[in-house]
Amino acid sequence: MSNGRFIIVILLGLGLLIFGLTAFTVNERELAIKLQVGEVVESGYEPGIHFKIPVYQTVRKFPSRILKIDDEPQRVFTLERTGMQVDYFVQFRIIDAVAFYTSTGGSQFIAIERLREIIRNSIVTEFGKRTVQQAISVEREALMRDMLATARSTAQGLGVELVDFRVKQVEFVADARDSVYNRMRAERARVAELTRGEGREAEALIRSTAEKNRTVILADANKQGQIIRGEGDARAAEIYANAYNQDPEFYKFYRSIDAYRNSVGKAGDIMVLDPDNEFFEYLNRSQGSQ
């Protein structure tokens, strides 16, 4: 190889070495800062190739993807001082590389430990504002939202954003479980008895209302019956009067026959009367004519 070619190869190698020492790349899943003697001199790099002064300047990169903290269950106390175990996880991401570096030295381990402390304080604070019933069922969504809001404001000082805060499970601690269950059972029994009492009260009201309506209906029916019977009696009296006016003798005969039928029309009936009584007038007249 000639000297000229050898020099070109050397220069090309030196160029590549210098390029490798001065150039660095940042992809879309990273955040990068440039340090000069331990101090941040530049940040906010776009994805692509960038340059630095070798040895004198260094570059630190941090992931911009969502990270997860899945901590051990935390023991807390509710508003009634009931002990509970809260199992949870938190998702976060680095949004300010400069603040993250200055507050944690760029260590994810330190950042996670500080976030755990912030999150634990948030859990203790928010559970302490709520009753057992609110914590385990009624306000679960509001509880997680408030815990996230409380921890998020503090976490911003670390250059990170809390993305999500989820409570996976809430359990009573062993020494409080039985007393809580007994208290809840007593409360359910009280509500059940109250419901039964309301049911009995409603039943009595329905029965009294039905009895009242029955009495009113019977009274109205009796009234209507009396009116109808009165009208019928009046009509019958009118018919009898008309019949009497047309043939008084026949009317008297018909009434006597009707009286006989009503008086002795049943088997075993006995009537003791004087044979000459007016009651047997038409009967005696009939025998006399035979």
Protein backbone atom coordinates (compact mmCIF):
# COMPACT_ATOMS: atom_id res chain seq x y z
CA MET A 1 0.00 0.00 0.00
CA SER A 2 1.38 3.39 -0.94
CA ASN A 3 2.03 6.06 1.65
CA GLY A 4 -0.77 8.22 0.25
CA ARG A 5 -3.37 5.54 0.66
CA PHE A 6 -2.11 4.69 4.13
CA ILE A 7 -2.45 8.32 5.22
CA ILE A 8 -6.00 8.47 3.81
CA VAL A 9 -6.97 5.34 5.73
CA ILE A 10 -5.49 6.77 8.91
CA LEU A 11 -7.28 10.09 8.42
CA LEU A 12 -10.54 8.29 7.65
CA GLY A 13 -10.18 6.17 10.81
CA LEU A 14 -9.43 9.26 12.89
CA GLY A 15 -12.45 10.95 11.38
CA LEU A 16 -14.70 8.06 12.24
CA LEU A 17 -13.27 7.93 15.76
CA ILE A 18 -13.83 11.65 16.25
CA PHE A 19 -17.35 11.34 14.84
CA GLY A 20 -18.06 8.46 17.20
CA LEU A 21 -16.81 10.46 20.17
CA THR A 22 -18.68 13.64 19.27
CA ALA A 23 -21.95 12.31 17.82
CA PHE A 24 -24.81 10.73 19.75
CA THR A 25 -28.33 9.71 18.80
CA VAL A 26 -31.66 10.19 20.56
CA ASN A 27 -34.68 8.09 19.61
CA GLU A 28 -38.36 8.81 20.16
CA ARG A 29 -38.49 6.73 23.38
CA GLU A 30 -35.75 8.71 25.12
CA LEU A 31 -35.07 12.04 26.79
CA ALA A 32 -31.48 13.34 26.76
CA ILE A 33 -29.47 16.07 28.48
CA LYS A 34 -25.94 17.29 27.82
CA LEU A 35 -23.65 17.75 30.82
CA GLN A 36 -20.54 19.85 31.02
CA VAL A 37 -18.43 19.27 34.12
CA GLY A 38 -21.52 17.84 35.86
CA GLU A 39 -23.85 20.73 34.97
CA VAL A 40 -26.70 20.59 32.48
CA VAL A 41 -25.95 22.77 29.47
CA GLU A 42 -28.56 21.55 27.00
CA SER A 43 -31.76 19.47 26.93
CA GLY A 44 -34.95 18.97 24.94
CA TYR A 45 -33.31 17.05 22.09
CA GLU A 46 -35.42 15.95 19.18
CA PRO A 47 -35.01 12.38 17.88
CA GLY A 48 -31.97 12.19 15.57
CA ILE A 49 -28.17 12.74 15.57
CA HIS A 50 -26.58 15.39 17.80
CA PHE A 51 -23.05 16.37 18.77
CA LYS A 52 -20.96 17.04 21.87
CA ILE A 53 -17.36 17.84 22.82
CA PRO A 54 -15.63 14.56 23.62
CA VAL A 55 -14.52 14.01 27.23
CA TYR A 56 -15.43 17.58 28.22
CA GLN A 57 -19.16 16.98 27.64
CA THR A 58 -21.25 13.89 28.41
CA VAL A 59 -24.80 12.83 27.62
CA ARG A 60 -27.37 11.20 29.93
CA LYS A 61 -30.45 9.50 28.53
CA PHE A 62 -33.67 8.58 30.32
CA PRO A 63 -36.67 6.53 29.14
CA SER A 64 -39.76 8.52 28.19
CA ARG A 65 -42.04 5.47 28.17
CA ILE A 66 -44.54 4.74 30.98
CA LEU A 67 -42.94 3.04 33.99
CA LYS A 68 -44.68 1.09 36.73
CA ILE A 69 -44.36 0.90 40.52
CA ASP A 70 -45.95 -2.23 42.00
CA ASP A 71 -45.33 -1.80 45.71
CA GLU A 72 -46.02 -3.99 48.74
CA PRO A 73 -49.50 -3.62 50.30
CA GLN A 74 -49.68 -0.55 52.49
CA ARG A 75 -51.35 -0.53 55.92
CA VAL A 76 -53.66 2.45 56.48
CA PHE A 77 -56.41 3.54 58.87
CA THR A 78 -59.85 4.82 57.92
CA LEU A 79 -61.81 7.63 59.52
CA GLU A 80 -63.07 5.20 62.20
CA ARG A 81 -59.46 4.11 62.90
CA THR A 82 -60.05 0.73 61.24
CA GLY A 83 -56.87 -0.90 59.95
CA MET A 84 -56.80 -1.95 56.28
CA GLN A 85 -54.28 -3.36 53.80
CA VAL A 86 -54.21 -1.56 50.43
CA ASP A 87 -52.66 -3.29 47.42
CA TYR A 88 -52.01 -0.85 44.56
CA PHE A 89 -49.84 0.06 41.58
CA VAL A 90 -48.80 3.37 40.02
CA GLN A 91 -47.75 4.28 36.50
CA PHE A 92 -45.48 7.26 35.81
CA ARG A 93 -43.18 8.70 33.19
CA ILE A 94 -40.30 11.17 33.10
CA ILE A 95 -41.39 14.45 31.49
CA ASP A 96 -38.60 16.85 32.55
CA ALA A 97 -35.15 15.34 32.15
CA VAL A 98 -33.38 18.30 33.76
CA ALA A 99 -35.55 18.28 36.91
CA PHE A 100 -35.29 14.50 37.07
CA TYR A 101 -31.47 14.65 36.92
CA THR A 102 -31.06 17.48 39.43
CA SER A 103 -33.48 15.93 41.96
CA THR A 104 -32.42 12.28 41.72
CA GLY A 105 -28.98 12.37 40.11
CA GLY A 106 -30.54 10.58 37.15
CA SER A 107 -31.15 7.39 39.20
CA GLN A 108 -34.43 5.61 38.55
CA PHE A 109 -33.97 3.69 41.80
CA ILE A 110 -33.83 6.92 43.83
CA ALA A 111 -36.79 8.33 41.90
CA ILE A 112 -38.92 5.23 42.55
CA GLU A 113 -38.06 5.26 46.26
CA ARG A 114 -39.10 8.90 46.55
CA LEU A 115 -42.27 8.26 44.58
CA ARG A 116 -43.13 5.36 46.86
CA GLU A 117 -42.89 7.67 49.86
CA ILE A 118 -45.07 10.28 48.14
CA ILE A 119 -47.64 7.66 47.16
CA ARG A 120 -47.77 6.12 50.63
CA ASN A 121 -48.39 9.52 52.19
CA SER A 122 -51.17 10.12 49.66
CA ILE A 123 -52.81 6.76 50.46
CA VAL A 124 -52.67 7.38 54.21
CA THR A 125 -54.10 10.90 53.80
CA GLU A 126 -57.02 9.98 51.54
CA PHE A 127 -58.04 6.79 53.39
CA GLY A 128 -57.94 8.72 56.65
CA LYS A 129 -60.65 11.06 55.29
CA ARG A 130 -63.10 8.24 54.52
CA THR A 131 -65.16 5.63 56.32
CA VAL A 132 -64.79 1.91 55.66
CA GLN A 133 -67.93 1.87 53.52
CA GLN A 134 -66.69 4.75 51.39
CA ALA A 135 -63.23 3.25 51.04
CA ILE A 136 -64.27 -0.25 49.91
CA SER A 137 -67.24 0.41 47.68
CA VAL A 138 -69.11 3.70 47.38
CA GLU A 139 -66.28 6.11 46.55
CA ARG A 140 -63.58 3.84 45.12
CA GLU A 141 -63.23 5.84 41.89
CA ALA A 142 -63.22 9.16 43.73
CA LEU A 143 -60.68 7.77 46.19
CA MET A 144 -58.23 6.78 43.46
CA ARG A 145 -58.73 10.11 41.70
CA ASP A 146 -58.01 12.06 44.88
CA MET A 147 -54.94 9.96 45.73
CA LEU A 148 -53.57 10.57 42.24
CA ALA A 149 -54.18 14.32 42.52
CA THR A 150 -52.54 14.52 45.94
CA ALA A 151 -49.43 12.60 44.86
CA ARG A 152 -49.16 14.20 41.40
CA SER A 153 -48.51 17.74 42.65
CA THR A 154 -45.62 16.54 44.84
CA ALA A 155 -44.17 14.24 42.16
CA GLN A 156 -43.83 17.10 39.68
CA GLY A 157 -40.80 18.31 41.63
CA LEU A 158 -39.00 15.12 40.59
CA GLY A 159 -39.58 15.84 36.91
CA VAL A 160 -42.08 12.96 36.57
CA GLU A 161 -45.80 12.74 35.88
CA LEU A 162 -48.05 10.22 37.63
CA VAL A 163 -50.19 8.76 34.85
CA ASP A 164 -52.43 6.37 36.76
CA PHE A 165 -53.09 5.25 40.33
CA ARG A 166 -55.03 2.00 40.81
CA VAL A 167 -56.13 0.22 43.97
CA LYS A 168 -56.10 -3.50 43.20
CA GLN A 169 -57.47 -4.78 46.49
CA VAL A 170 -58.48 -3.52 49.92
CA GLU A 171 -58.59 -5.97 52.83
CA PHE A 172 -59.13 -5.67 56.54
CA VAL A 173 -56.17 -6.54 58.71
CA ALA A 174 -56.56 -9.72 60.76
CA ASP A 175 -57.18 -7.99 64.10
CA ALA A 176 -59.91 -5.76 62.70
CA ARG A 177 -61.65 -8.11 60.27
CA ASP A 178 -64.02 -9.80 62.74
CA SER A 179 -65.09 -6.59 64.46
CA VAL A 180 -65.74 -4.89 61.13
CA TYR A 181 -67.74 -7.82 59.80
CA ASN A 182 -69.80 -7.93 63.01
CA ARG A 183 -70.45 -4.22 62.80
CA MET A 184 -71.47 -4.49 59.16
CA ARG A 185 -73.70 -7.48 59.98
CA ALA A 186 -75.38 -5.51 62.77
CA GLU A 187 -75.90 -2.58 60.42
CA ARG A 188 -77.45 -4.84 57.78
CA ALA A 189 -79.71 -6.37 60.44
CA ARG A 190 -80.79 -2.90 61.55
CA VAL A 191 -81.60 -1.89 57.98
CA ALA A 192 -83.50 -5.16 57.44
CA GLU A 193 -85.57 -4.62 60.59
CA LEU A 194 -86.28 -1.04 59.54
CA THR A 195 -87.41 -2.30 56.14
CA ARG A 196 -89.64 -4.94 57.73
CA GLY A 197 -91.15 -2.30 60.02
CA GLU A 198 -91.90 -0.08 57.05
CA GLY A 199 -93.47 -3.09 55.32
CA ARG A 200 -95.68 -3.84 58.33
CA GLU A 201 -96.73 -0.19 58.48
CA ALA A 202 -97.59 -0.24 54.78
CA GLU A 203 -99.53 -3.49 55.24
CA ALA A 204 -101.59 -1.99 58.10
CA LEU A 205 -102.32 1.09 55.99
CA ILE A 206 -103.41 -1.02 53.03
CA ARG A 207 -105.63 -3.21 55.23
CA SER A 208 -107.27 -0.23 56.93
CA THR A 209 -107.83 1.44 53.58
CA ALA A 210 -109.35 -1.76 52.15
CA GLU A 211 -111.61 -2.18 55.21
CA LYS A 212 -112.73 1.42 54.91
CA ASN A 213 -113.47 0.99 51.21
CA ARG A 214 -115.35 -2.25 51.97
CA THR A 215 -117.51 -0.50 54.56
CA VAL A 216 -118.25 2.37 52.18
CA ILE A 217 -119.09 -0.03 49.32
CA LEU A 218 -121.44 -2.11 51.54
CA ALA A 219 -123.12 1.02 52.84
CA ASP A 220 -123.64 2.33 49.32
CA ALA A 221 -124.94 -1.08 48.18
CA ASN A 222 -127.36 -1.25 51.14
CA LYS A 223 -128.51 2.26 50.39
CA GLN A 224 -129.10 1.43 46.76
CA GLY A 225 -130.91 -1.79 47.80
CA GLN A 226 -133.20 0.14 50.15
CA ILE A 227 -133.96 2.61 47.39
CA ILE A 228 -134.71 -0.16 44.89
CA ARG A 229 -136.86 -2.06 47.41
CA GLY A 230 -138.74 1.13 48.24
CA GLU A 231 -139.35 1.81 44.60
CA GLY A 232 -140.49 -1.82 44.14
CA ASP A 233 -142.85 -1.62 47.12
CA ALA A 234 -144.26 1.64 45.82
CA ARG A 235 -144.76 0.10 42.42
CA ALA A 236 -146.42 -2.97 43.94
CA ALA A 237 -148.70 -0.77 46.03
CA GLU A 238 -149.60 1.14 42.93
CA ILE A 239 -150.39 -2.09 41.07
CA TYR A 240 -152.46 -3.39 44.01
CA ALA A 241 -154.33 -0.10 44.18
CA ASN A 242 -155.12 -0.20 40.50
CA ALA A 243 -156.28 -3.80 40.77
CA TYR A 244 -158.49 -2.98 43.77
CA ASN A 245 -160.07 -0.07 41.95
CA GLN A 246 -160.89 -2.24 38.95
CA ASP A 247 -162.42 -5.19 40.91
CA PRO A 248 -162.44 -4.84 44.71
CA GLU A 249 -164.03 -8.26 45.26
CA PHE A 250 -161.46 -10.09 43.14
CA TYR A 251 -158.67 -8.16 44.85
CA LYS A 252 -159.92 -9.26 48.28
CA PHE A 253 -160.20 -12.87 47.05
CA TYR A 254 -156.64 -12.81 45.64
CA ARG A 255 -155.24 -11.36 48.84
CA SER A 256 -157.01 -14.06 50.90
CA ILE A 257 -155.64 -16.86 48.71
CA ASP A 258 -152.19 -15.34 48.98
CA ALA A 259 -152.55 -15.19 52.77
CA TYR A 260 -153.61 -18.85 52.88
CA ARG A 261 -150.56 -19.88 50.86
CA ASN A 262 -148.16 -17.90 53.04
CA SER A 263 -149.68 -19.12 56.28
CA VAL A 264 -150.16 -22.84 55.71
CA GLY A 265 -148.10 -23.51 52.66
CA LYS A 266 -145.40 -25.59 54.44
CA ALA A 267 -145.58 -29.20 55.63
CA GLY A 268 -146.14 -29.47 59.37
CA ASP A 269 -147.61 -25.99 59.74
CA ILE A 270 -150.39 -25.78 62.35
CA MET A 271 -152.79 -22.85 62.76
CA VAL A 272 -155.51 -22.71 65.44
CA LEU A 273 -158.32 -20.29 64.54
CA ASP A 274 -162.08 -20.02 64.94
CA PRO A 275 -163.70 -21.49 61.78
CA ASP A 276 -165.96 -18.45 61.62
CA ASN A 277 -162.99 -16.09 61.60
CA GLU A 278 -162.88 -13.62 58.73
CA PHE A 279 -159.65 -15.22 57.69
CA PHE A 280 -161.63 -18.23 56.35
CA GLU A 281 -164.32 -16.15 54.69
CA TYR A 282 -163.58 -17.26 51.15
CA LEU A 283 -162.71 -20.75 52.19
CA ASN A 284 -166.06 -21.21 53.99
CA ARG A 285 -167.85 -19.65 51.07
CA SER A 286 -166.23 -22.16 48.75
CA GLN A 287 -167.32 -25.12 50.96
CA GLY A 288 -170.84 -23.74 51.19
CA SER A 289 -171.18 -23.61 47.47
CA GLN A 290 -170.29 -27.36 47.09
